[in-house]
Amino acid sequence: MIPYSPPKAASVIPVIDLTDSFSADIERRRAVAWQTHKACRDTGFFYVANHGIPTALFEGQLEWAKRFFALPIEAKSALSMTDTNRLCGYEPLRMQTLDHGSPPDLKEGFQFRREGDVEDTRGGTNQWPATLQDFRPAMLAYQERIVTLGRHLMRVIALSLDLAEDYFDPALVGLSCSVRLLHYPPHPADAAINQLGAGAHTDWGSITMLLQDDCGGLEIQNNAGDWIRATPIPGTLVVNLGDMMRRWTNDIYQSTLHRVFNAAPGRDRYSVASFFNVNREHRVECLPTCRPETGAPNYPPCTVGEHTKEMFERTYGRGR
């Protein structure tokens, strides 16, 4: 368990303007890649601006999240992820424990995957609420914009590691991108000790792209061990690296602890987390530009699927 301590004021989470990353000029793209390199080494978290996704789409996605979580509990429970053999559907309050040893998280969620992707052949399908007209196409439209951005960010990250920009492209054949709508009610006065909206944790995969409303509540741990706030910035996404990227880079890039504590009086917090990952069969081993001069890398090779299965069982207490 990681005991809760109040965060300090945020001032070190960088904002990366992606405009030049779309340029035909390689030097302008390298300049953005260098900013990304510094952010990935120093914090593992950064905001991205001018990413190509319209603000109106963000606003619409958060509005859909509000509408979904306002459904009667019976309608949401009919989509329970516990009735499927994969992580899709509705997650009620206190179902997940992200910080091992702490009380269950005070959040509810709804998660879906890409339809027709490689993972669909493993069994199980997305579940959609019958009473929300146009919900499914809106979700899938948002997801595809996120997938496009995720592919682009992987090219920026490749360049930031002094690799060819298309280095990760083969691993993105059969990529996965699950999107999770999240609702954090106002923090209850009778919450258990160290019970948060989302307990301190790192993400499991490659990169996460987070859309958050203006409520606030996301906190990250910096290299000094201090907790700082990731204050919402309109029009941006918060990007953080997952454990797979840290493993790939032999600990050069950070997979940073973060948590959610909704301390806003009487306010519900809504966010949309998109977990962008390479093919689950892809073998993750130390990248050629990250290998130590002597000795073996810090991690043995593994597949993405092997790692994800272990983390799922740890946080939900059951197998997939």
Protein backbone atom coordinates (compact mmCIF):
# COMPACT_ATOMS: atom_id res chain seq x y z
CA MET A 1 0.00 0.00 0.00
CA ILE A 2 1.23 3.52 -0.83
CA PRO A 3 -0.06 5.88 1.92
CA TYR A 4 -1.77 9.04 0.71
CA SER A 5 0.07 12.34 1.15
CA PRO A 6 -1.14 15.71 -0.21
CA PRO A 7 0.36 16.78 -3.55
CA LYS A 8 2.44 19.87 -4.17
CA ALA A 9 1.56 22.52 -6.75
CA ALA A 10 2.28 21.35 -10.31
CA SER A 11 4.84 23.20 -12.38
CA VAL A 12 7.01 20.57 -14.04
CA ILE A 13 4.70 18.56 -16.30
CA PRO A 14 5.72 19.78 -19.78
CA VAL A 15 3.35 20.79 -22.57
CA ILE A 16 4.56 19.58 -25.96
CA ASP A 17 3.25 21.38 -29.03
CA LEU A 18 2.96 18.71 -31.72
CA THR A 19 2.61 21.14 -34.62
CA ASP A 20 6.14 20.62 -35.94
CA SER A 21 5.91 16.85 -35.51
CA PHE A 22 3.63 16.86 -38.58
CA SER A 23 6.13 18.90 -40.61
CA ALA A 24 7.86 17.63 -43.76
CA ASP A 25 11.09 19.04 -42.31
CA ILE A 26 12.95 16.31 -40.41
CA GLU A 27 14.79 18.85 -38.25
CA ARG A 28 11.52 20.31 -37.03
CA ARG A 29 10.29 16.80 -36.26
CA ARG A 30 13.54 16.07 -34.40
CA ALA A 31 13.04 19.19 -32.28
CA VAL A 32 9.69 17.87 -31.07
CA ALA A 33 11.22 14.44 -30.55
CA TRP A 34 13.91 15.97 -28.33
CA GLN A 35 11.26 17.66 -26.17
CA THR A 36 9.51 14.29 -25.95
CA HIS A 37 12.76 12.57 -25.01
CA LYS A 38 13.31 14.95 -22.10
CA ALA A 39 9.71 14.54 -20.89
CA CYS A 40 9.88 10.74 -21.10
CA ARG A 41 13.15 10.65 -19.14
CA ASP A 42 12.19 13.22 -16.52
CA THR A 43 8.53 12.51 -15.75
CA GLY A 44 7.02 9.96 -18.12
CA PHE A 45 4.07 12.38 -18.29
CA PHE A 46 3.40 15.30 -20.61
CA TYR A 47 0.54 17.23 -22.18
CA VAL A 48 0.17 17.33 -25.95
CA ALA A 49 -1.30 20.35 -27.72
CA ASN A 50 -2.09 20.90 -31.42
CA HIS A 51 -2.52 17.17 -31.86
CA GLY A 52 -5.16 17.34 -34.59
CA ILE A 53 -8.23 16.25 -32.59
CA PRO A 54 -10.95 18.94 -32.46
CA THR A 55 -11.91 20.33 -29.06
CA ALA A 56 -15.56 19.76 -29.97
CA LEU A 57 -14.89 16.02 -30.14
CA PHE A 58 -13.39 16.14 -26.63
CA GLU A 59 -16.40 18.01 -25.32
CA GLY A 60 -18.76 15.53 -26.94
CA GLN A 61 -16.91 12.56 -25.50
CA LEU A 62 -17.12 13.91 -21.96
CA GLU A 63 -20.81 14.64 -22.45
CA TRP A 64 -21.38 11.03 -23.55
CA ALA A 65 -19.56 9.88 -20.40
CA LYS A 66 -21.95 11.91 -18.26
CA ARG A 67 -24.96 10.48 -20.08
CA PHE A 68 -23.73 6.90 -19.74
CA PHE A 69 -23.02 7.08 -16.01
CA ALA A 70 -26.38 8.79 -15.41
CA LEU A 71 -28.13 5.61 -16.60
CA PRO A 72 -29.95 3.55 -13.95
CA ILE A 73 -27.70 1.07 -12.21
CA GLU A 74 -29.76 -1.78 -13.68
CA ALA A 75 -28.97 -0.64 -17.23
CA LYS A 76 -25.27 -0.31 -16.48
CA SER A 77 -25.08 -3.60 -14.61
CA ALA A 78 -26.59 -5.39 -17.61
CA LEU A 79 -23.27 -4.58 -19.35
CA SER A 80 -21.08 -5.87 -16.52
CA MET A 81 -17.59 -6.85 -17.59
CA THR A 82 -17.74 -9.75 -15.13
CA ASP A 83 -20.08 -11.48 -17.58
CA THR A 84 -17.45 -11.52 -20.35
CA ASN A 85 -14.12 -13.23 -20.76
CA ARG A 86 -12.31 -10.00 -21.52
CA LEU A 87 -12.04 -6.50 -20.13
CA CYS A 88 -15.01 -4.77 -21.75
CA GLY A 89 -18.26 -3.45 -20.39
CA TYR A 90 -19.27 -1.78 -17.16
CA GLU A 91 -17.11 -1.65 -14.04
CA PRO A 92 -18.99 -0.65 -10.86
CA LEU A 93 -17.63 1.30 -7.94
CA ARG A 94 -15.07 -0.53 -5.80
CA MET A 95 -14.46 -3.27 -8.36
CA GLN A 96 -10.79 -2.51 -9.01
CA THR A 97 -7.88 -2.03 -6.59
CA LEU A 98 -4.99 -0.36 -8.38
CA ASP A 99 -2.84 0.18 -5.29
CA HIS A 100 -2.27 -3.28 -3.83
CA GLY A 101 -3.05 -3.26 -0.10
CA SER A 102 -5.32 -0.21 -0.26
CA PRO A 103 -9.15 -0.24 -0.21
CA PRO A 104 -10.95 -0.61 -3.58
CA ASP A 105 -11.05 2.40 -5.89
CA LEU A 106 -13.94 4.88 -5.78
CA LYS A 107 -14.67 5.02 -9.49
CA GLU A 108 -16.92 3.41 -12.05
CA GLY A 109 -15.99 2.80 -15.64
CA PHE A 110 -17.08 1.63 -19.06
CA GLN A 111 -14.51 0.13 -21.39
CA PHE A 112 -14.57 -0.93 -25.03
CA ARG A 113 -12.01 -2.17 -27.54
CA ARG A 114 -11.56 -1.76 -31.27
CA GLU A 115 -14.18 -3.75 -33.13
CA GLY A 116 -12.85 -6.33 -35.58
CA ASP A 117 -9.28 -6.17 -34.31
CA VAL A 118 -7.05 -9.17 -33.65
CA GLU A 119 -8.14 -9.41 -30.02
CA ASP A 120 -11.76 -9.97 -31.04
CA THR A 121 -10.80 -13.38 -32.38
CA ARG A 122 -9.97 -14.47 -28.83
CA GLY A 123 -13.60 -14.38 -27.77
CA GLY A 124 -15.88 -11.80 -26.25
CA THR A 125 -17.28 -8.65 -27.77
CA ASN A 126 -17.96 -5.07 -26.80
CA GLN A 127 -21.18 -4.35 -24.96
CA TRP A 128 -23.26 -1.26 -25.70
CA PRO A 129 -26.22 0.36 -23.88
CA ALA A 130 -29.42 -0.14 -25.83
CA THR A 131 -31.01 3.09 -24.58
CA LEU A 132 -28.32 5.55 -25.68
CA GLN A 133 -28.87 6.16 -29.38
CA ASP A 134 -25.68 6.99 -31.32
CA PHE A 135 -23.48 6.08 -28.34
CA ARG A 136 -21.64 3.27 -30.14
CA PRO A 137 -20.74 5.23 -33.32
CA ALA A 138 -19.65 8.21 -31.22
CA MET A 139 -17.36 5.99 -29.14
CA LEU A 140 -15.82 4.30 -32.17
CA ALA A 141 -15.30 7.62 -33.96
CA TYR A 142 -13.41 9.00 -30.97
CA GLN A 143 -11.39 5.81 -30.70
CA GLU A 144 -10.24 5.96 -34.31
CA ARG A 145 -9.01 9.54 -33.89
CA ILE A 146 -7.09 8.39 -30.82
CA VAL A 147 -5.61 5.45 -32.75
CA THR A 148 -4.38 7.83 -35.45
CA LEU A 149 -2.75 10.04 -32.82
CA GLY A 150 -1.29 7.01 -31.05
CA ARG A 151 0.40 5.83 -34.24
CA HIS A 152 1.83 9.31 -34.71
CA LEU A 153 3.11 9.50 -31.12
CA MET A 154 4.84 6.15 -31.49
CA ARG A 155 6.75 7.63 -34.44
CA VAL A 156 7.67 10.66 -32.36
CA ILE A 157 8.86 8.37 -29.58
CA ALA A 158 10.89 6.27 -32.02
CA LEU A 159 12.64 9.41 -33.26
CA SER A 160 13.16 10.52 -29.65
CA LEU A 161 15.11 7.29 -29.07
CA ASP A 162 17.31 7.85 -32.13
CA LEU A 163 15.50 5.09 -34.01
CA ALA A 164 13.95 5.20 -37.46
CA GLU A 165 10.55 6.89 -37.28
CA ASP A 166 8.84 3.73 -38.53
CA TYR A 167 10.67 1.46 -36.07
CA PHE A 168 7.50 0.54 -34.15
CA ASP A 169 5.28 0.18 -37.23
CA PRO A 170 5.60 -3.65 -37.43
CA ALA A 171 4.55 -3.94 -33.77
CA LEU A 172 1.43 -1.87 -34.53
CA VAL A 173 0.04 -4.44 -36.97
CA GLY A 174 -2.87 -5.78 -34.93
CA LEU A 175 -2.50 -3.03 -32.31
CA SER A 176 -5.00 -2.72 -29.49
CA CYS A 177 -6.58 0.44 -28.14
CA SER A 178 -9.10 0.13 -25.35
CA VAL A 179 -10.98 3.25 -24.31
CA ARG A 180 -12.36 3.65 -20.81
CA LEU A 181 -14.94 6.21 -19.74
CA LEU A 182 -14.47 6.99 -16.05
CA HIS A 183 -16.64 8.60 -13.39
CA TYR A 184 -15.30 9.65 -9.99
CA PRO A 185 -18.06 10.76 -7.58
CA PRO A 186 -17.25 13.42 -4.97
CA HIS A 187 -14.90 11.93 -2.40
CA PRO A 188 -17.09 10.60 0.44
CA ALA A 189 -16.48 11.77 3.99
CA ASP A 190 -16.63 8.17 5.22
CA ALA A 191 -14.03 6.81 2.75
CA ALA A 192 -11.61 4.32 4.26
CA ILE A 193 -8.02 5.32 5.00
CA ASN A 194 -6.08 5.68 1.75
CA GLN A 195 -9.17 4.97 -0.36
CA LEU A 196 -8.91 7.11 -3.50
CA GLY A 197 -10.70 7.48 -6.79
CA ALA A 198 -7.84 5.52 -8.34
CA GLY A 199 -5.02 4.23 -6.18
CA ALA A 200 -1.37 4.87 -7.00
CA HIS A 201 -0.32 2.76 -9.98
CA THR A 202 1.57 2.69 -13.24
CA ASP A 203 -0.13 1.81 -16.52
CA TRP A 204 0.61 -1.54 -18.08
CA GLY A 205 1.17 -0.99 -21.77
CA SER A 206 2.84 1.38 -24.24
CA ILE A 207 1.19 4.81 -23.96
CA THR A 208 -1.97 6.19 -22.38
CA MET A 209 -3.79 9.25 -23.71
CA LEU A 210 -6.08 10.86 -21.14
CA LEU A 211 -8.87 13.33 -21.72
CA GLN A 212 -9.92 14.98 -18.45
CA ASP A 213 -12.62 17.48 -17.61
CA ASP A 214 -11.95 20.69 -15.68
CA CYS A 215 -12.54 19.11 -12.26
CA GLY A 216 -8.94 18.10 -11.64
CA GLY A 217 -7.79 15.28 -9.41
CA LEU A 218 -5.02 13.56 -11.39
CA GLU A 219 -1.75 13.50 -9.48
CA ILE A 220 1.65 12.11 -10.47
CA GLN A 221 4.80 11.34 -8.51
CA ASN A 222 7.89 13.17 -9.74
CA ASN A 223 11.46 11.94 -9.58
CA ALA A 224 11.93 13.52 -6.15
CA GLY A 225 9.07 11.40 -4.80
CA ASP A 226 6.70 14.38 -4.47
CA TRP A 227 3.12 14.21 -5.68
CA ILE A 228 2.16 16.99 -8.10
CA ARG A 229 -1.13 17.89 -9.74
CA ALA A 230 -1.74 17.42 -13.45
CA THR A 231 -3.96 20.47 -13.73
CA PRO A 232 -6.41 20.24 -16.67
CA ILE A 233 -5.39 22.33 -19.70
CA PRO A 234 -8.21 22.88 -22.22
CA GLY A 235 -7.69 21.28 -25.62
CA THR A 236 -4.85 19.02 -24.50
CA LEU A 237 -4.45 15.35 -23.75
CA VAL A 238 -2.28 14.03 -20.94
CA VAL A 239 0.10 11.37 -22.26
CA ASN A 240 1.96 8.94 -20.04
CA LEU A 241 4.15 5.96 -20.70
CA GLY A 242 3.29 2.48 -19.50
CA ASP A 243 5.45 -0.30 -18.11
CA MET A 244 6.05 -1.80 -21.55
CA MET A 245 7.78 1.40 -22.72
CA ARG A 246 9.92 1.43 -19.61
CA ARG A 247 10.86 -2.18 -20.25
CA TRP A 248 11.61 -1.46 -23.91
CA THR A 249 13.95 1.39 -22.96
CA ASN A 250 15.72 -0.41 -20.11
CA ASP A 251 14.46 2.16 -17.55
CA ILE A 252 15.67 5.16 -19.58
CA TYR A 253 12.07 6.29 -20.02
CA GLN A 254 9.78 6.50 -17.00
CA SER A 255 6.56 4.67 -16.20
CA THR A 256 5.32 7.01 -13.52
CA LEU A 257 3.11 6.37 -10.50
CA HIS A 258 -0.11 8.32 -10.68
CA ARG A 259 -3.45 8.38 -8.87
CA VAL A 260 -6.79 10.21 -8.77
CA PHE A 261 -8.25 12.00 -5.76
CA ASN A 262 -11.42 13.94 -6.47
CA ALA A 263 -11.27 16.59 -3.77
CA ALA A 264 -13.55 19.09 -5.57
CA PRO A 265 -16.51 19.74 -3.21
CA GLY A 266 -19.75 18.37 -4.62
CA ARG A 267 -18.30 17.76 -8.10
CA ASP A 268 -18.29 14.62 -10.19
CA ARG A 269 -15.12 14.06 -12.20
CA TYR A 270 -15.24 12.56 -15.71
CA SER A 271 -12.34 11.44 -17.84
CA VAL A 272 -11.61 9.22 -20.83
CA ALA A 273 -8.47 7.09 -20.78
CA SER A 274 -7.25 5.47 -24.01
CA PHE A 275 -4.74 2.65 -23.61
CA PHE A 276 -2.76 2.35 -26.83
CA ASN A 277 -0.71 -0.78 -27.14
CA VAL A 278 1.17 -2.85 -29.67
CA ASN A 279 0.13 -6.34 -30.76
CA ARG A 280 -0.24 -8.60 -27.72
CA GLU A 281 1.96 -11.25 -29.40
CA HIS A 282 4.80 -8.77 -29.92
CA ARG A 283 8.00 -9.66 -28.08
CA VAL A 284 9.23 -6.76 -25.98
CA GLU A 285 12.98 -6.62 -25.40
CA CYS A 286 15.55 -3.89 -24.89
CA LEU A 287 15.69 -1.47 -27.83
CA PRO A 288 19.00 -1.31 -29.73
CA THR A 289 19.69 2.31 -28.70
CA CYS A 290 18.97 1.56 -25.03
CA ARG A 291 21.22 -1.44 -24.44
CA PRO A 292 23.78 -1.12 -21.65
CA GLU A 293 27.44 -0.92 -22.61
CA THR A 294 28.18 -3.97 -20.46
CA GLY A 295 26.03 -6.69 -18.98
CA ALA A 296 22.48 -7.74 -19.69
CA PRO A 297 19.44 -5.45 -19.89
CA ASN A 298 17.37 -4.99 -16.74
CA TYR A 299 14.44 -7.08 -18.00
CA PRO A 300 14.13 -10.41 -19.79
CA PRO A 301 12.05 -10.45 -22.99
CA CYS A 302 8.32 -11.10 -22.73
CA THR A 303 5.23 -10.66 -24.86
CA VAL A 304 2.79 -7.83 -24.31
CA GLY A 305 0.06 -10.37 -23.63
CA GLU A 306 2.02 -12.12 -20.88
CA HIS A 307 2.58 -8.85 -19.05
CA THR A 308 -1.01 -7.65 -19.47
CA LYS A 309 -2.44 -10.92 -18.14
CA GLU A 310 -0.30 -10.70 -15.01
CA MET A 311 -1.35 -7.11 -14.30
CA PHE A 312 -5.04 -7.82 -14.94
CA GLU A 313 -5.05 -10.68 -12.46
CA ARG A 314 -3.25 -8.55 -9.89
CA THR A 315 -5.68 -5.62 -9.96
CA TYR A 316 -8.94 -7.52 -10.45
CA GLY A 317 -8.04 -10.64 -8.51
CA ARG A 318 -9.05 -13.03 -11.27
CA GLY A 319 -7.86 -14.38 -14.60
CA ARG A 320 -9.03 -13.34 -18.04
